[in-house]
C-alpha cells in the first residue's frame, strides 16, 4: 500500500495567502502578554487579602463580643471577696540596726579559798536570787583558824589589861619621884606593844572570819545558773583561773546595736529628752516581734573602721524572749506619724497607670481607686491619697474583679488584715 506523504509548504508560499478565518496549521499559538499575568496575580492576592481581613475582622468582633459579654456577666455575677477597713493610727518612724543580746550582769563564780567542795546547792539552769547559798567548801580548817585567833586575842587582851594596871602604878611612882622619866617612857612603850598585839589579834580574827565566810559561796545577783563546772568532792584552789559556775542576769537584759554615724543627729536630741526612745527587737527575719525596751545610752566614740556608733538598750524581758548572745534586728523609734491612713498591703494592686485598690461601695460594687503609697512596713501601707479611714478595701479576691463588679463581702478583722503588728516605718 503506497504511503501518504504530508505536503511540505514551499518556501515561496506565504501563509497569509490562506483563506480568511483559517489558521495555518504550521503556525505556533501566540503567547499572552506580561501585563495579563500581573493582573491575574494581583486579583488573586487581593482576593486572599480580603478573605484574611474578613476572617480577622470577624475574630476581633467575636473577641469584643466575648469581652463585652464577660463584662456584662461580671457586672451581674456577685464575686465573693474579703475586705478590710482603712484605719487611722499613729505610725512610728524608726531606724534599723543590727544588735546582739547581752546579759545585763554576768558573774563568773570562783573560789577565794582552797578546800574541798562539800555541797552544790543548785541545779543547772536554775533561777537563783541574790544571797542564795550555792556552794559550800569545807569550813573546818578556817573555823579552827578563827578559833585560834580568838584564843590568841583572849590571851593578849589579858596581858594588856594586866599591864594597864602596872602602867598606872608606874605613873603614880613617877608622880612621887620614885620612878624616873626614862623608866616611865619605857613602860608606856611596852604597854603600846600590848595594845598593838591585841589589835593584830583582832585583825587575825577578822581575816579568819572572812575566810570562813568564803567557804559559803552565795549568789551575788539575781540570774540564771549555767552549766555546773565542779562537783561535790572536788578540790578547788583560790588561785584557779577557771570558775565554778556562771550566773547571767536575764531580767532585765541588754541589747548592744550599731547605727551609722549619720543617724546620731536624729537620735541624740531625743535621747536627752525625758521620755527617752523606744526600741523594738525582732528576730533574724525581722518578722517576729520579740520585745520592747528603752534606749539606755550611746557609746562615747565612733568606730572609725565602720563609721558606726554603738548603742545600748534595756529590755524588761519578763517572758525571756531574749537570750544572751542572740542576734536581733533592732528598730529605734525616733518619731511618730500622727493619724496616718493605713491599709493592708494585700489590698494593693499594680497596673499600667499606677497603684490602685478596689474599694467596696455602699451598693456592694467594686470600684477601682488609684492610691499613692507614702510608706511601707511589712503588711501595712501608709497612703496619703485615694482612700480615707472607714473605707473598705478588698484584700482577697481582687484578681476576679472589674470596675463595677458586684461583690459579696466578708469583713476581715484587723488581726487578720494586718497580720504583723504595725510597728513603724523605716526612714
Protein backbone atom coordinates (compact mmCIF):
# COMPACT_ATOMS: atom_id res chain seq x y z
CA UNK A 1 0.00 0.00 0.00
CA UNK A 2 1.53 3.26 -1.04
CA UNK A 3 2.43 5.68 1.80
CA UNK A 4 0.71 9.04 2.05
CA UNK A 5 3.10 11.92 2.24
CA UNK A 6 2.33 15.06 4.10
CA UNK A 7 2.72 18.01 1.84
CA UNK A 8 5.52 20.34 2.76
CA UNK A 9 4.97 24.03 2.30
CA UNK A 10 7.16 25.67 -0.16
CA UNK A 11 9.45 28.40 0.85
CA UNK A 12 7.95 30.85 -1.55
CA UNK A 13 4.45 30.34 -0.29
CA UNK A 14 3.04 32.96 2.12
CA UNK A 15 0.81 31.57 4.85
CA UNK A 16 -1.13 34.80 4.88
CA UNK A 17 -2.47 33.95 1.49
CA UNK A 18 -4.64 31.31 3.04
CA UNK A 19 -8.36 31.62 3.38
CA UNK A 20 -9.60 34.29 5.87
CA UNK A 21 -10.65 32.83 9.27
CA UNK A 22 -8.49 29.80 8.98
CA UNK A 23 -5.18 29.36 10.78
CA UNK A 24 -2.15 27.87 9.30
CA UNK A 25 -1.61 24.55 10.99
CA UNK A 26 2.12 25.05 10.82
CA UNK A 27 1.97 28.45 12.68
CA UNK A 28 2.65 28.38 16.58
CA UNK A 29 -0.05 29.73 19.07
CA UNK A 30 0.60 33.35 20.12
CA UNK A 31 1.76 33.85 23.81
CA UNK A 32 -0.25 36.09 26.22
CA UNK A 33 1.21 39.47 27.18
CA UNK A 34 3.03 40.01 30.70
CA UNK A 35 0.51 42.55 31.99
CA UNK A 36 -2.17 39.93 31.81
CA UNK A 37 -0.28 37.63 34.14
CA UNK A 38 0.36 40.53 36.58
CA UNK A 39 -3.30 41.41 36.58
CA UNK A 40 -4.29 37.85 37.34
CA UNK A 41 -1.77 37.66 40.20
CA UNK A 42 -3.00 40.95 41.67
CA UNK A 43 -6.59 39.81 41.56
CA UNK A 44 -5.71 36.56 43.32
CA UNK A 45 -3.67 38.40 46.02
CA UNK A 46 -6.46 40.88 46.56
CA UNK A 47 -8.93 38.08 46.97
CA UNK A 48 -6.70 36.34 49.52
CA UNK A 49 -6.06 39.58 51.47
CA UNK A 50 -9.75 40.32 51.52
CA UNK A 51 -10.50 36.87 52.84
CA UNK A 52 -7.86 37.25 55.59
CA UNK A 53 -9.18 40.68 56.53
CA UNK A 54 -12.73 39.39 56.77
CA UNK A 55 -11.58 36.49 58.98
CA UNK A 56 -9.55 38.80 61.27
CA UNK A 57 -12.41 41.28 61.49
CA UNK A 58 -14.82 38.53 62.35
CA UNK A 59 -12.47 37.19 65.05
CA UNK A 60 -11.94 40.68 66.53
CA UNK A 61 -15.67 41.22 66.61
CA UNK A 62 -16.13 37.89 68.36
CA UNK A 63 -13.44 38.77 70.92
CA UNK A 64 -15.06 42.14 71.54
CA UNK A 65 -18.41 40.49 71.90
CA UNK A 66 -16.92 37.91 74.27
CA UNK A 67 -15.22 40.66 76.33
CA UNK A 68 -18.42 42.65 76.44
CA UNK A 69 -20.30 39.54 77.45
CA UNK A 70 -17.72 38.81 80.16
CA UNK A 71 -18.04 42.39 81.39
CA UNK A 72 -21.81 42.13 81.46
CA UNK A 73 -21.59 38.75 83.20
CA UNK A 74 -19.11 40.14 85.72
CA UNK A 75 -21.43 43.05 86.33
CA UNK A 76 -24.33 40.74 87.08
CA UNK A 77 -22.41 37.93 88.86
CA UNK A 78 -21.54 38.53 92.51
CA UNK A 79 -17.87 37.84 93.28
CA UNK A 80 -17.06 36.69 96.84
CA UNK A 81 -14.31 38.89 98.31
CA UNK A 82 -12.79 39.65 101.68
CA UNK A 83 -12.41 43.27 102.67
CA UNK A 84 -10.76 45.21 105.46
CA UNK A 85 -11.34 48.65 106.85
CA UNK A 86 -8.99 51.54 106.16
CA UNK A 87 -7.82 52.76 109.57
CA UNK A 88 -6.21 55.85 111.01
CA UNK A 89 -3.44 55.37 113.53
CA UNK A 90 -0.19 56.84 114.78
CA UNK A 91 2.67 55.17 112.93
CA UNK A 92 6.15 55.15 114.49
CA UNK A 93 9.13 56.14 112.34
CA UNK A 94 12.28 54.22 113.20
CA UNK A 95 15.90 53.49 112.35
CA UNK A 96 17.12 49.95 111.65
CA UNK A 97 20.17 48.43 113.31
CA UNK A 98 21.81 45.07 113.96
CA UNK A 99 22.19 44.03 117.59
CA UNK A 100 23.36 41.32 119.96
CA UNK A 101 21.66 40.45 123.22
CA UNK A 102 23.95 40.68 126.25
CA UNK A 103 23.25 39.81 129.87
CA UNK A 104 22.88 42.92 132.00
CA UNK A 105 25.18 41.28 134.57
CA UNK A 106 27.38 38.23 134.10
CA UNK A 107 29.25 36.78 137.09
CA UNK A 108 31.82 34.02 136.97
CA UNK A 109 31.89 32.47 140.45
CA UNK A 110 35.34 31.36 141.61
CA UNK A 111 36.61 30.15 144.97
CA UNK A 112 38.54 32.60 147.13
CA UNK A 113 39.74 29.85 149.46
CA UNK A 114 41.32 26.44 148.93
CA UNK A 115 39.42 23.39 150.05
CA UNK A 116 37.11 20.52 149.26
CA UNK A 117 33.58 21.11 147.99
CA UNK A 118 31.04 19.65 150.38
CA UNK A 119 27.77 20.81 148.85
CA UNK A 120 26.47 22.02 145.49
CA UNK A 121 23.08 23.57 146.22
CA UNK A 122 21.86 24.41 142.72
CA UNK A 123 20.65 22.76 139.56
CA UNK A 124 21.96 23.64 136.13
CA UNK A 125 19.74 26.28 134.58
CA UNK A 126 18.13 27.17 137.91
CA UNK A 127 16.91 30.67 138.65
CA UNK A 128 18.71 31.98 141.74
CA UNK A 129 18.36 35.14 143.79
CA UNK A 130 20.90 37.39 145.40
CA UNK A 131 22.15 35.79 148.64
CA UNK A 132 21.16 32.18 147.80
CA UNK A 133 23.70 29.62 149.04
CA UNK A 134 25.21 27.89 146.00
CA UNK A 135 28.36 26.01 147.09
CA UNK A 136 29.83 25.02 150.46
CA UNK A 137 33.58 24.45 150.76
CA UNK A 138 34.85 22.52 153.78
CA UNK A 139 34.88 25.21 156.52
CA UNK A 140 36.64 23.14 159.22
CA UNK A 141 40.21 24.44 158.65
CA UNK A 142 39.02 28.02 158.56
CA UNK A 143 36.83 27.64 161.61
CA UNK A 144 39.81 26.25 163.51
CA UNK A 145 41.92 29.22 162.39
CA UNK A 146 39.17 31.54 163.60
CA UNK A 147 39.02 29.85 166.98
CA UNK A 148 42.80 30.04 167.28
CA UNK A 149 42.77 33.76 166.50
CA UNK A 150 40.06 34.30 169.09
CA UNK A 151 42.04 32.42 171.71
CA UNK A 152 45.15 34.46 170.97
CA UNK A 153 43.10 37.62 171.39
CA UNK A 154 41.85 36.50 174.81
CA UNK A 155 45.40 35.80 175.95
CA UNK A 156 46.85 39.05 174.70
CA UNK A 157 43.87 41.04 175.98
CA UNK A 158 44.53 39.63 179.48
CA UNK A 159 48.18 40.63 179.26
CA UNK A 160 47.14 44.09 178.12
CA UNK A 161 44.70 44.53 180.98
CA UNK A 162 47.31 43.40 183.47
CA UNK A 163 49.94 45.71 182.11
CA UNK A 164 47.49 48.58 182.06
CA UNK A 165 47.28 48.26 185.88
CA UNK A 166 51.08 48.15 186.05
CA UNK A 167 51.38 51.28 183.95
CA UNK A 168 49.02 53.12 186.28
CA UNK A 169 51.24 52.14 189.22
CA UNK A 170 54.35 53.35 187.40
CA UNK A 171 52.71 56.66 186.66
CA UNK A 172 51.92 57.12 190.39
CA UNK A 173 55.53 56.32 191.33
CA UNK A 174 56.70 58.80 188.74
CA UNK A 175 54.49 61.47 190.29
CA UNK A 176 56.01 60.73 193.69
CA UNK A 177 59.53 60.98 192.23
CA UNK A 178 60.33 57.33 192.79
CA UNK A 179 60.33 56.44 189.08
CA UNK A 180 62.36 58.27 186.50
CA UNK A 181 61.01 59.71 183.28
CA UNK A 182 63.06 57.26 181.22
CA UNK A 183 61.59 54.26 183.10
CA UNK A 184 58.07 55.57 182.68
CA UNK A 185 58.58 56.06 178.92
CA UNK A 186 59.84 52.50 178.59
CA UNK A 187 56.79 51.17 180.44
CA UNK A 188 54.43 53.18 178.22
CA UNK A 189 56.18 51.83 175.12
CA UNK A 190 55.75 48.30 176.37
CA UNK A 191 52.07 48.99 177.02
CA UNK A 192 51.77 50.21 173.40
CA UNK A 193 53.20 46.91 172.22
CA UNK A 194 50.50 45.04 174.12
CA UNK A 195 47.87 47.29 172.54
CA UNK A 196 49.31 46.56 169.11
CA UNK A 197 49.30 42.85 169.78
CA UNK A 198 45.61 42.95 170.70
CA UNK A 199 44.79 44.88 167.53
CA UNK A 200 46.74 42.31 165.48
CA UNK A 201 44.75 39.54 167.11
CA UNK A 202 41.52 41.30 166.21
CA UNK A 203 42.66 41.60 162.59
CA UNK A 204 43.57 37.92 162.57
CA UNK A 205 40.06 37.12 163.80
CA UNK A 206 38.55 39.24 161.05
CA UNK A 207 40.72 37.51 158.44
CA UNK A 208 39.79 34.09 159.71
CA UNK A 209 36.12 35.10 159.74
CA UNK A 210 36.35 36.31 156.13
CA UNK A 211 37.98 33.06 155.01
CA UNK A 212 35.30 31.13 156.84
CA UNK A 213 32.60 33.18 155.12
CA UNK A 214 34.25 32.48 151.76
CA UNK A 215 33.55 28.79 152.35
CA UNK A 216 29.86 29.57 151.82
CA UNK A 217 29.51 30.86 148.27
CA UNK A 218 26.34 32.84 147.68
CA UNK A 219 24.83 34.33 144.56
CA UNK A 220 25.81 37.99 144.13
CA UNK A 221 22.92 38.74 141.74
CA UNK A 222 19.54 37.53 140.58
CA UNK A 223 20.00 35.40 137.50
CA UNK A 224 20.18 32.00 135.90
CA UNK A 225 22.87 29.44 136.67
CA UNK A 226 24.72 27.96 133.72
CA UNK A 227 26.26 24.53 133.42
CA UNK A 228 27.98 23.18 136.54
CA UNK A 229 31.76 23.09 136.29
CA UNK A 230 32.53 21.39 139.63
CA UNK A 231 31.08 18.52 141.64
CA UNK A 232 30.93 17.69 145.34
CA UNK A 233 34.28 16.28 146.47
CA UNK A 234 36.36 18.36 144.07
CA UNK A 235 39.27 20.33 145.50
CA UNK A 236 39.22 23.95 144.43
CA UNK A 237 42.11 26.38 144.61
CA UNK A 238 41.94 30.06 145.40
CA UNK A 239 44.45 30.65 142.60
CA UNK A 240 42.41 28.83 139.92
CA UNK A 241 41.74 30.84 136.75
CA UNK A 242 38.54 28.96 135.83
CA UNK A 243 35.27 29.49 137.64
CA UNK A 244 32.94 27.02 139.28
CA UNK A 245 29.79 28.37 137.62
CA UNK A 246 28.50 31.36 135.65
CA UNK A 247 25.40 33.38 136.55
CA UNK A 248 23.74 35.62 133.98
CA UNK A 249 21.03 38.12 134.73
CA UNK A 250 18.11 37.57 132.34
CA UNK A 251 15.66 40.18 133.67
CA UNK A 252 16.34 42.86 132.69
CA UNK A 253 18.57 42.20 129.72
CA UNK A 254 20.53 44.45 127.36
CA UNK A 255 20.92 44.68 123.60
CA UNK A 256 24.00 46.26 122.02
CA UNK A 257 23.44 47.52 118.48
CA UNK A 258 25.04 49.84 115.96
CA UNK A 259 23.76 52.68 113.78
CA UNK A 260 25.55 54.76 111.14
CA UNK A 261 27.18 57.88 112.46
CA UNK A 262 24.94 59.96 110.17
CA UNK A 263 21.97 58.93 112.34
CA UNK A 264 23.41 60.43 115.51
CA UNK A 265 21.90 63.92 114.95
CA UNK A 266 18.47 62.29 114.71
CA UNK A 267 18.93 60.31 117.91
CA UNK A 268 20.90 62.42 120.39
CA UNK A 269 18.38 65.26 120.87
CA UNK A 270 15.56 62.78 121.51
CA UNK A 271 17.72 60.62 123.75
CA UNK A 272 18.37 63.58 126.04
CA UNK A 273 14.65 64.20 126.43
CA UNK A 274 12.87 62.87 129.48
CA UNK A 275 10.58 60.42 127.70
CA UNK A 276 13.51 58.57 126.13
CA UNK A 277 13.36 56.47 122.96
CA UNK A 278 11.57 53.16 122.47
CA UNK A 279 13.46 50.22 120.97
CA UNK A 280 11.88 47.12 119.41
CA UNK A 281 13.74 43.84 118.93
CA UNK A 282 12.85 41.45 116.07
CA UNK A 283 14.14 38.04 115.05
CA UNK A 284 16.57 37.41 112.17
CA UNK A 285 13.81 37.62 109.56
CA UNK A 286 12.52 40.92 111.00
CA UNK A 287 9.02 39.40 111.05
CA UNK A 288 8.52 38.28 114.66
CA UNK A 289 8.44 40.97 117.31
CA UNK A 290 10.37 39.76 120.36
CA UNK A 291 10.45 42.55 122.93
CA UNK A 292 10.15 46.29 123.53
CA UNK A 293 12.58 48.28 125.62
CA UNK A 294 14.17 51.71 126.00
CA UNK A 295 17.40 53.21 124.80
CA UNK A 296 19.88 53.45 127.67
CA UNK A 297 22.90 55.22 126.22
CA UNK A 298 25.22 55.66 123.28
CA UNK A 299 28.95 54.94 123.35
CA UNK A 300 31.37 57.84 123.76
CA UNK A 301 33.13 57.27 120.45
CA UNK A 302 32.50 56.26 116.83
CA UNK A 303 34.19 53.21 115.37
CA UNK A 304 36.42 54.68 112.62
CA UNK A 305 36.70 51.35 110.78
CA UNK A 306 32.94 51.00 110.23
CA UNK A 307 31.65 54.55 110.70
CA UNK A 308 29.08 53.36 113.21
CA UNK A 309 28.19 54.24 116.78
CA UNK A 310 27.31 51.66 119.40
CA UNK A 311 24.05 51.95 121.34
CA UNK A 312 22.72 50.06 124.35
CA UNK A 313 19.06 49.38 125.11
CA UNK A 314 17.45 47.76 128.15
CA UNK A 315 14.53 45.31 127.92
CA UNK A 316 12.45 44.03 130.88
CA UNK A 317 12.44 40.57 129.23
CA UNK A 318 9.74 39.28 131.54
CA UNK A 319 8.91 36.38 129.20
CA UNK A 320 12.62 35.75 128.48
CA UNK A 321 12.13 36.08 124.74
CA UNK A 322 15.66 37.47 124.54
CA UNK A 323 18.67 35.27 125.29
CA UNK A 324 22.33 36.24 125.78
CA UNK A 325 24.38 36.35 122.55
CA UNK A 326 21.20 36.14 120.44
CA UNK A 327 21.28 38.07 117.14
CA UNK A 328 18.36 40.51 116.71
CA UNK A 329 17.22 43.24 114.35
CA UNK A 330 16.67 46.47 116.23
CA UNK A 331 14.24 49.26 115.41
CA UNK A 332 14.87 52.51 117.22
CA UNK A 333 11.70 54.61 117.16
CA UNK A 334 12.56 58.29 116.76
CA UNK A 335 9.29 59.86 115.62
CA UNK A 336 5.55 59.36 115.15
CA UNK A 337 3.32 59.95 112.13
CA UNK A 338 0.06 61.06 113.76
CA UNK A 339 -3.27 59.97 112.29
CA UNK A 340 -1.77 58.22 109.25
CA UNK A 341 -4.13 56.48 106.81
CA UNK A 342 -3.26 52.79 106.81
CA UNK A 343 -4.36 49.92 104.53
CA UNK A 344 -3.30 46.27 104.44
CA UNK A 345 -0.53 45.52 101.95
CA UNK A 346 -2.68 42.72 100.49
CA UNK A 347 -5.12 45.32 99.13
CA UNK A 348 -2.59 46.98 96.83
CA UNK A 349 -2.77 46.18 93.10
CA UNK A 350 -0.39 47.31 90.35
CA UNK A 351 -1.50 48.49 86.91
CA UNK A 352 -0.14 50.39 83.90
CA UNK A 353 -1.49 53.63 85.33
CA UNK A 354 0.00 53.08 88.78
CA UNK A 355 -1.05 51.53 92.09
CA UNK A 356 -4.71 51.04 92.88
CA UNK A 357 -7.10 49.26 95.20
CA UNK A 358 -10.65 48.01 94.89
CA UNK A 359 -12.98 49.73 97.32
CA UNK A 360 -16.36 48.33 98.26
CA UNK A 361 -19.16 50.82 97.60
CA UNK A 362 -22.39 51.07 99.63
CA UNK A 363 -24.27 49.22 96.85
CA UNK A 364 -21.82 46.28 97.12
CA UNK A 365 -19.97 47.04 93.93
CA UNK A 366 -16.23 47.22 93.47
CA UNK A 367 -14.62 50.48 92.43
CA UNK A 368 -11.08 50.76 91.13
CA UNK A 369 -9.41 53.54 93.11
CA UNK A 370 -5.91 54.90 92.41
CA UNK A 371 -3.81 55.37 95.56
CA UNK A 372 -0.37 56.73 96.41
CA UNK A 373 1.72 54.77 98.89
CA UNK A 374 3.82 57.05 101.09
CA UNK A 375 5.45 54.46 103.37
CA UNK A 376 5.64 50.68 103.54
CA UNK A 377 6.12 48.49 106.59
CA UNK A 378 5.58 44.76 106.37
CA UNK A 379 1.87 44.10 105.88
CA UNK A 380 0.97 47.75 106.46
CA UNK A 381 0.91 50.57 103.91
CA UNK A 382 0.62 54.27 104.69
CA UNK A 383 -1.23 56.08 101.88
CA UNK A 384 -1.65 59.81 101.51
CA UNK A 385 -4.38 59.91 98.86
CA UNK A 386 -7.03 57.76 97.24
CA UNK A 387 -8.81 56.34 100.30
CA UNK A 388 -9.94 57.59 103.68
CA UNK A 389 -10.38 55.99 107.09
CA UNK A 390 -13.58 53.99 107.18
CA UNK A 391 -13.40 52.89 103.54
CA UNK A 392 -13.38 49.16 102.84
CA UNK A 393 -10.69 47.77 100.55
CA UNK A 394 -10.61 44.30 99.03
CA UNK A 395 -7.74 42.16 100.35
CA UNK A 396 -8.75 38.79 98.86
CA UNK A 397 -10.45 38.06 95.54
CA UNK A 398 -9.34 41.23 93.73
CA UNK A 399 -8.00 39.23 90.76
CA UNK A 400 -11.61 38.40 89.75
CA UNK A 401 -12.86 41.96 89.93
CA UNK A 402 -13.51 44.61 87.34
CA UNK A 403 -14.65 48.15 87.85
CA UNK A 404 -18.31 47.92 88.84
CA UNK A 405 -18.34 44.21 89.67
CA UNK A 406 -20.98 43.04 92.11
CA UNK A 407 -19.40 41.59 95.25
CA UNK A 408 -20.34 39.53 98.27
CA UNK A 409 -18.25 40.89 101.12
CA UNK A 410 -16.88 39.24 104.24
CA UNK A 411 -15.12 41.64 106.59
CA UNK A 412 -11.70 40.60 107.96
CA UNK A 413 -10.66 41.60 111.45
CA UNK A 414 -7.68 43.88 111.96
CA UNK A 415 -5.70 40.95 113.33
CA UNK A 416 -6.22 39.06 110.06
CA UNK A 417 -5.87 42.03 107.74
CA UNK A 418 -2.77 43.39 109.43
CA UNK A 419 -1.06 40.10 110.23
CA UNK A 420 2.08 41.73 111.56
CA UNK A 421 1.64 44.37 114.21
CA UNK A 422 2.32 47.75 112.67
CA UNK A 423 5.50 48.80 114.45
CA UNK A 424 6.53 51.72 112.31
CA UNK A 425 8.26 52.66 109.13
CA UNK A 426 11.89 52.99 108.17
CA UNK A 427 13.48 56.31 107.41
